[in-house]
C-alpha atoms as a PDB file:
ATOM      1  CA  UNK A   1       0.000   0.000   0.000  1.00  0.00           C
ATOM      2  CA  UNK A   2       2.814   2.404   0.876  1.00  0.00           C
ATOM      3  CA  UNK A   3       4.590   1.696  -2.423  1.00  0.00           C
ATOM      4  CA  UNK A   4       1.365   2.354  -4.347  1.00  0.00           C
ATOM      5  CA  UNK A   5       0.807   5.613  -2.466  1.00  0.00           C
ATOM      6  CA  UNK A   6       4.341   6.747  -3.260  1.00  0.00           C
ATOM      7  CA  UNK A   7       3.888   5.816  -6.909  1.00  0.00           C
ATOM      8  CA  UNK A   8       0.602   7.723  -7.087  1.00  0.00           C
ATOM      9  CA  UNK A   9       2.187  10.781  -5.501  1.00  0.00           C
ATOM     10  CA  UNK A  10       4.992  10.668  -8.052  1.00  0.00           C
ATOM     11  CA  UNK A  11       2.429  10.618 -10.891  1.00  0.00           C
ATOM     12  CA  UNK A  12       0.454  13.554  -9.525  1.00  0.00           C
ATOM     13  CA  UNK A  13       0.716  16.314 -12.129  1.00  0.00           C
ATOM     14  CA  UNK A  14      -0.675  19.628 -10.939  1.00  0.00           C
ATOM     15  CA  UNK A  15       0.731  21.949 -13.599  1.00  0.00           C
ATOM     16  CA  UNK A  16      -0.842  20.254 -16.620  1.00  0.00           C
ATOM     17  CA  UNK A  17      -4.540  19.638 -17.210  1.00  0.00           C
ATOM     18  CA  UNK A  18      -6.009  16.137 -17.237  1.00  0.00           C
ATOM     19  CA  UNK A  19      -9.236  15.441 -19.085  1.00  0.00           C
ATOM     20  CA  UNK A  20     -11.068  13.868 -16.129  1.00  0.00           C
ATOM     21  CA  UNK A  21     -10.137  16.830 -13.926  1.00  0.00           C
ATOM     22  CA  UNK A  22     -11.116  19.302 -16.669  1.00  0.00           C
ATOM     23  CA  UNK A  23     -14.573  17.715 -16.851  1.00  0.00           C
ATOM     24  CA  UNK A  24     -14.758  17.829 -13.073  1.00  0.00           C
ATOM     25  CA  UNK A  25     -13.814  21.519 -13.016  1.00  0.00           C
ATOM     26  CA  UNK A  26     -16.301  22.337 -15.761  1.00  0.00           C
ATOM     27  CA  UNK A  27     -19.165  20.843 -13.742  1.00  0.00           C
ATOM     28  CA  UNK A  28     -18.271  22.532 -10.467  1.00  0.00           C
ATOM     29  CA  UNK A  29     -16.454  19.614  -8.878  1.00  0.00           C
ATOM     30  CA  UNK A  30     -13.576  19.753  -6.416  1.00  0.00           C
ATOM     31  CA  UNK A  31     -11.175  17.134  -7.837  1.00  0.00           C
ATOM     32  CA  UNK A  32      -9.167  19.530 -10.008  1.00  0.00           C
ATOM     33  CA  UNK A  33      -6.287  22.005  -9.998  1.00  0.00           C
ATOM     34  CA  UNK A  34      -5.691  25.524 -11.315  1.00  0.00           C
ATOM     35  CA  UNK A  35      -4.366  24.076 -14.592  1.00  0.00           C
ATOM     36  CA  UNK A  36      -7.646  22.254 -15.159  1.00  0.00           C
ATOM     37  CA  UNK A  37      -9.767  25.315 -14.391  1.00  0.00           C
ATOM     38  CA  UNK A  38      -7.543  27.389 -16.664  1.00  0.00           C
ATOM     39  CA  UNK A  39      -8.118  24.872 -19.485  1.00  0.00           C
ATOM     40  CA  UNK A  40     -11.880  25.259 -19.025  1.00  0.00           C
ATOM     41  CA  UNK A  41     -11.528  29.036 -19.264  1.00  0.00           C
ATOM     42  CA  UNK A  42      -9.427  28.816 -22.436  1.00  0.00           C
ATOM     43  CA  UNK A  43     -11.869  26.481 -24.189  1.00  0.00           C
ATOM     44  CA  UNK A  44     -14.823  28.658 -23.306  1.00  0.00           C
ATOM     45  CA  UNK A  45     -13.001  31.677 -24.711  1.00  0.00           C
ATOM     46  CA  UNK A  46     -12.208  29.793 -27.936  1.00  0.00           C
ATOM     47  CA  UNK A  47     -15.859  29.210 -28.777  1.00  0.00           C
ATOM     48  CA  UNK A  48     -17.376  25.898 -27.616  1.00  0.00           C
ATOM     49  CA  UNK A  49     -18.994  26.018 -24.206  1.00  0.00           C
ATOM     50  CA  UNK A  50     -17.048  23.316 -22.409  1.00  0.00           C
ATOM     51  CA  UNK A  51     -19.040  23.655 -19.207  1.00  0.00           C
ATOM     52  CA  UNK A  52     -22.272  22.782 -21.025  1.00  0.00           C
ATOM     53  CA  UNK A  53     -20.566  19.948 -22.905  1.00  0.00           C
ATOM     54  CA  UNK A  54     -19.178  18.523 -19.660  1.00  0.00           C
ATOM     55  CA  UNK A  55     -22.628  18.573 -18.097  1.00  0.00           C
ATOM     56  CA  UNK A  56     -23.947  16.724 -21.169  1.00  0.00           C
ATOM     57  CA  UNK A  57     -21.367  14.002 -20.522  1.00  0.00           C
ATOM     58  CA  UNK A  58     -22.562  13.539 -16.939  1.00  0.00           C
ATOM     59  CA  UNK A  59     -26.201  13.519 -18.070  1.00  0.00           C
ATOM     60  CA  UNK A  60     -25.359  10.835 -20.630  1.00  0.00           C
ATOM     61  CA  UNK A  61     -23.569   8.644 -18.093  1.00  0.00           C
ATOM     62  CA  UNK A  62     -26.493   8.889 -15.691  1.00  0.00           C
ATOM     63  CA  UNK A  63     -28.959   7.914 -18.432  1.00  0.00           C
ATOM     64  CA  UNK A  64     -26.841   4.953 -19.497  1.00  0.00           C
ATOM     65  CA  UNK A  65     -26.515   3.659 -15.938  1.00  0.00           C
ATOM     66  CA  UNK A  66     -30.214   4.239 -15.294  1.00  0.00           C
ATOM     67  CA  UNK A  67     -31.232   2.440 -18.495  1.00  0.00           C
ATOM     68  CA  UNK A  68     -28.947  -0.557 -17.966  1.00  0.00           C
ATOM     69  CA  UNK A  69     -30.002  -0.904 -14.342  1.00  0.00           C
ATOM     70  CA  UNK A  70     -33.578  -0.851 -15.616  1.00  0.00           C
ATOM     71  CA  UNK A  71     -32.604  -3.780 -17.846  1.00  0.00           C
ATOM     72  CA  UNK A  72     -31.538  -5.673 -14.732  1.00  0.00           C
ATOM     73  CA  UNK A  73     -27.796  -5.033 -14.818  1.00  0.00           C
ATOM     74  CA  UNK A  74     -26.502  -4.685 -11.270  1.00  0.00           C
ATOM     75  CA  UNK A  75     -22.728  -4.742 -11.859  1.00  0.00           C
ATOM     76  CA  UNK A  76     -20.862  -1.793 -13.374  1.00  0.00           C
ATOM     77  CA  UNK A  77     -17.208  -1.226 -14.251  1.00  0.00           C
ATOM     78  CA  UNK A  78     -16.746   2.488 -14.929  1.00  0.00           C
ATOM     79  CA  UNK A  79     -13.400   3.217 -16.578  1.00  0.00           C
ATOM     80  CA  UNK A  80     -12.148   6.792 -16.744  1.00  0.00           C
ATOM     81  CA  UNK A  81     -15.146   8.795 -15.525  1.00  0.00           C
ATOM     82  CA  UNK A  82     -13.063  10.770 -13.051  1.00  0.00           C
ATOM     83  CA  UNK A  83     -15.637   9.734 -10.412  1.00  0.00           C
ATOM     84  CA  UNK A  84     -17.248  13.137 -11.066  1.00  0.00           C
ATOM     85  CA  UNK A  85     -17.569  15.219  -7.918  1.00  0.00           C
ATOM     86  CA  UNK A  86     -19.768  17.709  -9.790  1.00  0.00           C
ATOM     87  CA  UNK A  87     -22.746  15.408  -9.412  1.00  0.00           C
ATOM     88  CA  UNK A  88     -25.053  16.259  -6.497  1.00  0.00           C
ATOM     89  CA  UNK A  89     -24.832  14.421  -3.195  1.00  0.00           C
ATOM     90  CA  UNK A  90     -26.663  11.146  -3.521  1.00  0.00           C
ATOM     91  CA  UNK A  91     -26.590  11.457  -7.309  1.00  0.00           C
ATOM     92  CA  UNK A  92     -23.268   9.851  -8.227  1.00  0.00           C
ATOM     93  CA  UNK A  93     -23.241   7.033 -10.748  1.00  0.00           C
ATOM     94  CA  UNK A  94     -23.373   4.283  -8.125  1.00  0.00           C
ATOM     95  CA  UNK A  95     -26.331   6.086  -6.510  1.00  0.00           C
ATOM     96  CA  UNK A  96     -28.098   6.269  -9.880  1.00  0.00           C
ATOM     97  CA  UNK A  97     -27.634   2.501 -10.294  1.00  0.00           C
ATOM     98  CA  UNK A  98     -28.956   1.810  -6.796  1.00  0.00           C
ATOM     99  CA  UNK A  99     -32.036   3.989  -7.253  1.00  0.00           C
ATOM    100  CA  UNK A 100     -32.845   2.496 -10.670  1.00  0.00           C
ATOM    101  CA  UNK A 101     -32.610  -1.075  -9.365  1.00  0.00           C
ATOM    102  CA  UNK A 102     -35.532  -0.469  -6.983  1.00  0.00           C
ATOM    103  CA  UNK A 103     -34.311  -2.491  -4.042  1.00  0.00           C
ATOM    104  CA  UNK A 104     -31.627  -4.615  -5.666  1.00  0.00           C
ATOM    105  CA  UNK A 105     -28.072  -3.875  -4.623  1.00  0.00           C
ATOM    106  CA  UNK A 106     -25.535  -2.865  -7.321  1.00  0.00           C
ATOM    107  CA  UNK A 107     -21.814  -3.462  -7.261  1.00  0.00           C
ATOM    108  CA  UNK A 108     -19.782  -0.685  -8.874  1.00  0.00           C
ATOM    109  CA  UNK A 109     -16.064  -0.526  -9.609  1.00  0.00           C
ATOM    110  CA  UNK A 110     -14.539   2.802 -10.644  1.00  0.00           C
ATOM    111  CA  UNK A 111     -11.234   2.459 -12.516  1.00  0.00           C
ATOM    112  CA  UNK A 112      -8.969   5.508 -12.522  1.00  0.00           C
ATOM    113  CA  UNK A 113      -5.311   6.359 -13.088  1.00  0.00           C
ATOM    114  CA  UNK A 114      -5.273   9.945 -11.798  1.00  0.00           C
ATOM    115  CA  UNK A 115      -3.825  10.074  -8.246  1.00  0.00           C
ATOM    116  CA  UNK A 116      -6.058  12.935  -7.129  1.00  0.00           C
ATOM    117  CA  UNK A 117      -9.211  11.221  -8.367  1.00  0.00           C
ATOM    118  CA  UNK A 118      -8.167   7.948  -6.725  1.00  0.00           C
ATOM    119  CA  UNK A 119      -7.456   9.600  -3.403  1.00  0.00           C
ATOM    120  CA  UNK A 120     -10.659  11.632  -3.421  1.00  0.00           C
ATOM    121  CA  UNK A 121     -12.899   8.714  -4.323  1.00  0.00           C
ATOM    122  CA  UNK A 122     -11.304   6.364  -1.821  1.00  0.00           C
ATOM    123  CA  UNK A 123     -11.689   8.954   0.920  1.00  0.00           C
ATOM    124  CA  UNK A 124     -15.288   9.941   0.194  1.00  0.00           C
ATOM    125  CA  UNK A 125     -16.963   6.844  -1.290  1.00  0.00           C
ATOM    126  CA  UNK A 126     -15.370   3.611  -0.101  1.00  0.00           C
ATOM    127  CA  UNK A 127     -15.649   4.412   3.628  1.00  0.00           C
ATOM    128  CA  UNK A 128     -19.432   4.858   3.438  1.00  0.00           C
ATOM    129  CA  UNK A 129     -20.438   1.872   1.305  1.00  0.00           C
ATOM    130  CA  UNK A 130     -19.366  -1.741   0.847  1.00  0.00           C
ATOM    131  CA  UNK A 131     -20.836  -1.791  -2.643  1.00  0.00           C
ATOM    132  CA  UNK A 132     -18.272   0.406  -4.397  1.00  0.00           C
ATOM    133  CA  UNK A 133     -14.595  -0.148  -5.062  1.00  0.00           C
ATOM    134  CA  UNK A 134     -12.071   2.284  -6.546  1.00  0.00           C
ATOM    135  CA  UNK A 135      -9.301   0.588  -8.509  1.00  0.00           C
ATOM    136  CA  UNK A 136      -6.072   1.975  -9.889  1.00  0.00           C
ATOM    137  CA  UNK A 137      -5.895   1.027 -13.552  1.00  0.00           C
ATOM    138  CA  UNK A 138      -5.397   2.262 -17.091  1.00  0.00           C
ATOM    139  CA  UNK A 139      -7.283   1.226 -20.215  1.00  0.00           C
ATOM    140  CA  UNK A 140      -3.954   1.449 -22.036  1.00  0.00           C
ATOM    141  CA  UNK A 141      -2.939  -1.597 -19.972  1.00  0.00           C
ATOM    142  CA  UNK A 142      -6.117  -3.545 -20.533  1.00  0.00           C
ATOM    143  CA  UNK A 143      -4.732  -6.988 -19.735  1.00  0.00           C
ATOM    144  CA  UNK A 144      -3.409  -5.865 -16.354  1.00  0.00           C
ATOM    145  CA  UNK A 145      -6.682  -4.069 -15.677  1.00  0.00           C
ATOM    146  CA  UNK A 146      -8.827  -7.116 -16.406  1.00  0.00           C
ATOM    147  CA  UNK A 147      -6.589  -9.237 -14.163  1.00  0.00           C
ATOM    148  CA  UNK A 148      -6.940  -6.828 -11.242  1.00  0.00           C
ATOM    149  CA  UNK A 149      -7.623  -8.732  -8.024  1.00  0.00           C
ATOM    150  CA  UNK A 150     -10.447  -6.431  -6.924  1.00  0.00           C
ATOM    151  CA  UNK A 151     -12.241  -6.729 -10.264  1.00  0.00           C
ATOM    152  CA  UNK A 152     -11.860 -10.481 -10.186  1.00  0.00           C
ATOM    153  CA  UNK A 153     -13.104 -10.964  -6.628  1.00  0.00           C
ATOM    154  CA  UNK A 154     -15.590  -8.134  -6.079  1.00  0.00           C
ATOM    155  CA  UNK A 155     -17.704  -8.840  -9.178  1.00  0.00           C
ATOM    156  CA  UNK A 156     -19.586 -12.004 -10.099  1.00  0.00           C
ATOM    157  CA  UNK A 157     -18.174 -13.050 -13.456  1.00  0.00           C
ATOM    158  CA  UNK A 158     -20.970 -15.523 -14.026  1.00  0.00           C
ATOM    159  CA  UNK A 159     -23.576 -12.760 -14.347  1.00  0.00           C
ATOM    160  CA  UNK A 160     -23.950  -9.873 -16.830  1.00  0.00           C
ATOM    161  CA  UNK A 161     -22.200  -6.585 -16.155  1.00  0.00           C
ATOM    162  CA  UNK A 162     -21.819  -3.226 -17.852  1.00  0.00           C
ATOM    163  CA  UNK A 163     -18.417  -1.833 -18.785  1.00  0.00           C
ATOM    164  CA  UNK A 164     -18.474   1.926 -19.341  1.00  0.00           C
ATOM    165  CA  UNK A 165     -15.343   2.755 -21.357  1.00  0.00           C
ATOM    166  CA  UNK A 166     -15.078   6.513 -20.984  1.00  0.00           C
ATOM    167  CA  UNK A 167     -11.342   7.104 -21.383  1.00  0.00           C
ATOM    168  CA  UNK A 168     -11.216   6.520 -25.140  1.00  0.00           C
ATOM    169  CA  UNK A 169      -9.386   9.830 -25.572  1.00  0.00           C
ATOM    170  CA  UNK A 170      -6.256   8.109 -24.224  1.00  0.00           C
ATOM    171  CA  UNK A 171      -6.351   5.419 -26.937  1.00  0.00           C
ATOM    172  CA  UNK A 172      -4.484   7.019 -29.828  1.00  0.00           C
ATOM    173  CA  UNK A 173      -3.835   3.730 -31.614  1.00  0.00           C
ATOM    174  CA  UNK A 174      -6.968   2.407 -33.338  1.00  0.00           C
ATOM    175  CA  UNK A 175      -5.468  -1.075 -33.574  1.00  0.00           C
ATOM    176  CA  UNK A 176      -5.023  -1.152 -29.811  1.00  0.00           C
ATOM    177  CA  UNK A 177      -8.519   0.312 -29.378  1.00  0.00           C
ATOM    178  CA  UNK A 178      -9.854  -2.692 -31.309  1.00  0.00           C
ATOM    179  CA  UNK A 179      -7.828  -4.952 -29.029  1.00  0.00           C
ATOM    180  CA  UNK A 180      -9.328  -3.323 -25.938  1.00  0.00           C
ATOM    181  CA  UNK A 181     -12.855  -3.947 -27.213  1.00  0.00           C
ATOM    182  CA  UNK A 182     -11.927  -7.504 -28.198  1.00  0.00           C
ATOM    183  CA  UNK A 183     -10.521  -8.284 -24.749  1.00  0.00           C
ATOM    184  CA  UNK A 184     -13.562  -6.860 -22.975  1.00  0.00           C
ATOM    185  CA  UNK A 185     -15.869  -8.914 -25.183  1.00  0.00           C
ATOM    186  CA  UNK A 186     -13.818 -12.026 -24.464  1.00  0.00           C
ATOM    187  CA  UNK A 187     -13.983 -11.807 -20.676  1.00  0.00           C
ATOM    188  CA  UNK A 188     -17.401 -10.351 -19.782  1.00  0.00           C
ATOM    189  CA  UNK A 189     -20.289 -12.767 -19.268  1.00  0.00           C
ATOM    190  CA  UNK A 190     -22.949 -13.283 -21.918  1.00  0.00           C
ATOM    191  CA  UNK A 191     -25.597 -10.583 -21.829  1.00  0.00           C
ATOM    192  CA  UNK A 192     -23.206  -7.868 -20.681  1.00  0.00           C
ATOM    193  CA  UNK A 193     -22.997  -4.355 -22.121  1.00  0.00           C
ATOM    194  CA  UNK A 194     -20.195  -2.123 -23.365  1.00  0.00           C
ATOM    195  CA  UNK A 195     -20.583   1.664 -23.405  1.00  0.00           C
ATOM    196  CA  UNK A 196     -18.323   4.083 -25.258  1.00  0.00           C
ATOM    197  CA  UNK A 197     -17.860   7.851 -25.093  1.00  0.00           C
ATOM    198  CA  UNK A 198     -15.747   9.610 -27.710  1.00  0.00           C
ATOM    199  CA  UNK A 199     -14.788  13.246 -28.200  1.00  0.00           C
ATOM    200  CA  UNK A 200     -15.126  14.619 -31.736  1.00  0.00           C
ATOM    201  CA  UNK A 201     -14.538  17.833 -33.656  1.00  0.00           C
ATOM    202  CA  UNK A 202     -17.212  17.011 -36.253  1.00  0.00           C
ATOM    203  CA  UNK A 203     -19.350  20.002 -35.273  1.00  0.00           C
ATOM    204  CA  UNK A 204     -16.574  22.568 -34.850  1.00  0.00           C
ATOM    205  CA  UNK A 205     -16.965  25.403 -37.404  1.00  0.00           C
ATOM    206  CA  UNK A 206     -14.136  25.296 -39.952  1.00  0.00           C
ATOM    207  CA  UNK A 207     -12.968  28.788 -39.013  1.00  0.00           C
ATOM    208  CA  UNK A 208     -12.407  27.658 -35.399  1.00  0.00           C
ATOM    209  CA  UNK A 209     -10.947  24.232 -36.073  1.00  0.00           C
ATOM    210  CA  UNK A 210      -7.316  25.347 -36.293  1.00  0.00           C
ATOM    211  CA  UNK A 211      -7.466  27.272 -33.031  1.00  0.00           C
ATOM    212  CA  UNK A 212      -9.191  24.382 -31.231  1.00  0.00           C
ATOM    213  CA  UNK A 213      -6.582  21.901 -32.487  1.00  0.00           C
ATOM    214  CA  UNK A 214      -3.803  24.191 -31.240  1.00  0.00           C
ATOM    215  CA  UNK A 215      -5.514  24.638 -27.884  1.00  0.00           C
ATOM    216  CA  UNK A 216      -5.980  20.892 -27.503  1.00  0.00           C
ATOM    217  CA  UNK A 217      -2.322  20.234 -28.265  1.00  0.00           C
ATOM    218  CA  UNK A 218      -1.331  22.798 -25.650  1.00  0.00           C
ATOM    219  CA  UNK A 219      -3.728  21.830 -22.857  1.00  0.00           C
ATOM    220  CA  UNK A 220      -4.399  18.117 -23.403  1.00  0.00           C
ATOM    221  CA  UNK A 221      -1.586  16.660 -25.549  1.00  0.00           C
ATOM    222  CA  UNK A 222      -2.244  13.150 -26.802  1.00  0.00           C
ATOM    223  CA  UNK A 223      -6.016  13.504 -26.515  1.00  0.00           C
ATOM    224  CA  UNK A 224      -7.507  11.370 -29.310  1.00  0.00           C
ATOM    225  CA  UNK A 225     -10.252  12.974 -31.403  1.00  0.00           C
ATOM    226  CA  UNK A 226     -12.308  10.876 -33.825  1.00  0.00           C
ATOM    227  CA  UNK A 227     -14.952  11.472 -36.465  1.00  0.00           C
ATOM    228  CA  UNK A 228     -18.237   9.607 -36.457  1.00  0.00           C
ATOM    229  CA  UNK A 229     -16.987   7.386 -39.271  1.00  0.00           C
ATOM    230  CA  UNK A 230     -13.898   6.469 -37.259  1.00  0.00           C
ATOM    231  CA  UNK A 231     -15.944   5.629 -34.169  1.00  0.00           C
ATOM    232  CA  UNK A 232     -18.380   3.556 -36.232  1.00  0.00           C
ATOM    233  CA  UNK A 233     -15.451   1.572 -37.623  1.00  0.00           C
ATOM    234  CA  UNK A 234     -14.273   0.802 -34.094  1.00  0.00           C
ATOM    235  CA  UNK A 235     -17.755  -0.439 -33.203  1.00  0.00           C
ATOM    236  CA  UNK A 236     -18.043  -2.685 -36.246  1.00  0.00           C
ATOM    237  CA  UNK A 237     -19.346  -6.101 -35.289  1.00  0.00           C
ATOM    238  CA  UNK A 238     -21.077  -4.910 -32.125  1.00  0.00           C
ATOM    239  CA  UNK A 239     -24.877  -4.910 -31.799  1.00  0.00           C
ATOM    240  CA  UNK A 240     -25.807  -1.403 -30.680  1.00  0.00           C
ATOM    241  CA  UNK A 241     -28.719  -0.607 -28.415  1.00  0.00           C
ATOM    242  CA  UNK A 242     -31.120   1.906 -29.979  1.00  0.00           C
ATOM    243  CA  UNK A 243     -30.600   4.679 -30.977  1.00  0.00           C
ATOM    244  CA  UNK A 244     -27.089   3.511 -31.913  1.00  0.00           C
ATOM    245  CA  UNK A 245     -24.105   5.833 -32.273  1.00  0.00           C
ATOM    246  CA  UNK A 246     -25.364   9.378 -31.706  1.00  0.00           C
ATOM    247  CA  UNK A 247     -24.524  12.709 -30.123  1.00  0.00           C
ATOM    248  CA  UNK A 248     -24.725  12.009 -26.398  1.00  0.00           C
ATOM    249  CA  UNK A 249     -27.774  14.260 -25.714  1.00  0.00           C
ATOM    250  CA  UNK A 250     -29.647  12.157 -28.304  1.00  0.00           C
ATOM    251  CA  UNK A 251     -29.031   8.894 -26.484  1.00  0.00           C
ATOM    252  CA  UNK A 252     -32.392   8.081 -24.881  1.00  0.00           C
ATOM    253  CA  UNK A 253     -33.153  11.592 -23.538  1.00  0.00           C
ATOM    254  CA  UNK A 254     -35.372  11.460 -20.484  1.00  0.00           C
ATOM    255  CA  UNK A 255     -35.917  15.122 -19.693  1.00  0.00           C
ATOM    256  CA  UNK A 256     -33.840  14.919 -16.510  1.00  0.00           C
ATOM    257  CA  UNK A 257     -30.683  16.278 -18.144  1.00  0.00           C
ATOM    258  CA  UNK A 258     -31.103  19.162 -20.571  1.00  0.00           C
ATOM    259  CA  UNK A 259     -27.494  20.141 -21.362  1.00  0.00           C
ATOM    260  CA  UNK A 260     -27.071  20.600 -25.128  1.00  0.00           C
ATOM    261  CA  UNK A 261     -30.583  19.249 -25.705  1.00  0.00           C
ATOM    262  CA  UNK A 262     -31.452  21.955 -28.234  1.00  0.00           C
ATOM    263  CA  UNK A 263     -28.162  21.551 -30.119  1.00  0.00           C
ATOM    264  CA  UNK A 264     -26.856  18.010 -29.443  1.00  0.00           C
ATOM    265  CA  UNK A 265     -23.721  18.489 -31.536  1.00  0.00           C
ATOM    266  CA  UNK A 266     -22.514  21.168 -29.096  1.00  0.00           C
ATOM    267  CA  UNK A 267     -21.801  18.340 -26.643  1.00  0.00           C
ATOM    268  CA  UNK A 268     -18.746  17.497 -28.750  1.00  0.00           C
ATOM    269  CA  UNK A 269     -19.095  13.774 -27.988  1.00  0.00           C
ATOM    270  CA  UNK A 270     -20.594  10.636 -29.467  1.00  0.00           C
ATOM    271  CA  UNK A 271     -21.966   7.845 -27.363  1.00  0.00           C
ATOM    272  CA  UNK A 272     -23.082   4.267 -27.932  1.00  0.00           C
ATOM    273  CA  UNK A 273     -24.108   1.236 -25.903  1.00  0.00           C
ATOM    274  CA  UNK A 274     -23.600  -2.266 -27.262  1.00  0.00           C
ATOM    275  CA  UNK A 275     -24.905  -5.597 -25.973  1.00  0.00           C
ATOM    276  CA  UNK A 276     -22.327  -8.365 -25.810  1.00  0.00           C
ATOM    277  CA  UNK A 277     -23.926 -11.546 -27.240  1.00  0.00           C
END
């Protein structure tokens, strides 16, 4: 434990923005630094309203969890959400799952690689519930992640589960992205679900595209951006739940989250949920 704590401290980067902390800052959360809040300010000045887009992401995640819990799924592996602290008390993703299950008890594993997010979640969530675990892991090391002891022992691998893969921006290599999806499909039980979230520049006006690319390279280097066609290619072979691959505000809107509802493309992200046969 001490070695892991030291390693996490060494990885803590306060002077450069991280996407999970930027989303947290944009939604009024507390798990972020000045660099992350400064990135939010720069993006808002450049044109797109990142605060509204970030709220659309949280709305989407809540709808996905609520829908899948309504389908009877009571196990969730949430990879790269940042364990958003901008959600209201009692309204975090594991709370949404619990409420939607109407008496059944969910098991939720958050997977994160940011030291601040890990520390915050372990301090505020794990001590108050036995039904949530926070695991250090990285989708870029998918084999190690899937072999994690907590994942293997905390979840029931004989029953369906939902894997929410939200850190796709860190997967720059499409070939490895395919491998990640393949490995998840290989190990999850029949009847499980896979959810994806992907940032795109498809709706950025051409006159702003150059400035946004430059800003991204400066604030979030290595952040992978994909077009709808590129995301669809990654999802080839998967059976998507209706309405398929869409702007995230268009994925089963329920009236509870209204961010970007009037202009879904302003969310800047595509989302899809696939059932694993």
